Amino acid sequence: MNATRRMTVRSLKVLVLACATVSIACLVACNTVEGVGKDVQQAGAGIEGAAEGASD
């Protein structure tokens, strides 16, 4: 195997590994953002309930 081919194979391996890492990070981030969204929604519901109780 010549040097150029080895370099290409190595570059391809690095590229595949980088893509896999980014994909996993995106999936983890989606779950985290979804959890934060639910927390904010629950907090908003609590504030809304408190505001309705105060206006009565």
Protein backbone atom coordinates (compact mmCIF):
# COMPACT_ATOMS: atom_id res chain seq x y z
CA MET A 1 0.00 0.00 0.00
CA ASN A 2 1.50 3.32 -0.97
CA ALA A 3 1.72 6.35 1.31
CA THR A 4 -1.05 8.30 -0.43
CA ARG A 5 -3.53 5.44 -0.10
CA ARG A 6 -2.68 4.95 3.60
CA MET A 7 -3.22 8.66 4.19
CA THR A 8 -6.59 8.52 2.42
CA VAL A 9 -7.72 5.51 4.43
CA ARG A 10 -6.61 7.19 7.66
CA SER A 11 -8.43 10.40 6.71
CA LEU A 12 -11.58 8.43 5.94
CA LYS A 13 -11.42 6.68 9.32
CA VAL A 14 -11.00 10.01 11.10
CA LEU A 15 -13.92 11.47 9.15
CA VAL A 16 -16.21 8.55 10.00
CA LEU A 17 -15.24 8.75 13.67
CA ALA A 18 -15.85 12.51 13.74
CA CYS A 19 -19.27 12.10 12.10
CA ALA A 20 -20.24 9.40 14.58
CA THR A 21 -19.14 11.56 17.51
CA VAL A 22 -21.10 14.56 16.26
CA SER A 23 -24.19 12.40 15.67
CA ILE A 24 -24.08 11.01 19.19
CA ALA A 25 -23.59 14.49 20.64
CA CYS A 26 -26.61 15.76 18.70
CA LEU A 27 -28.80 12.94 19.98
CA VAL A 28 -27.75 13.60 23.57
CA ALA A 29 -28.33 17.34 23.14
CA CYS A 30 -31.84 16.72 21.78
CA ASN A 31 -32.77 14.78 24.90
CA THR A 32 -31.29 17.47 27.13
CA VAL A 33 -33.11 20.29 25.33
CA GLU A 34 -36.36 18.33 25.51
CA GLY A 35 -35.93 17.94 29.28
CA VAL A 36 -35.22 21.64 29.73
CA GLY A 37 -38.29 22.46 27.64
CA LYS A 38 -40.47 20.31 29.90
CA ASP A 39 -39.01 21.97 33.01
CA VAL A 40 -39.69 25.45 31.63
CA GLN A 41 -43.21 24.41 30.67
CA GLN A 42 -43.89 23.12 34.19
CA ALA A 43 -42.47 26.30 35.72
CA GLY A 44 -44.72 28.37 33.46
CA ALA A 45 -47.74 26.35 34.53
CA GLY A 46 -46.84 26.94 38.18
CA ILE A 47 -46.50 30.69 37.64
CA GLU A 48 -49.78 30.76 35.77
CA GLY A 49 -51.51 28.92 38.60
CA ALA A 50 -50.07 31.32 41.16
CA ALA A 51 -51.18 34.32 39.09
CA GLU A 52 -54.70 32.94 38.77
CA GLY A 53 -54.81 32.32 42.54
CA ALA A 54 -53.65 35.88 43.27
CA SER A 55 -56.22 37.45 40.97
CA ASP A 56 -59.16 35.66 42.65
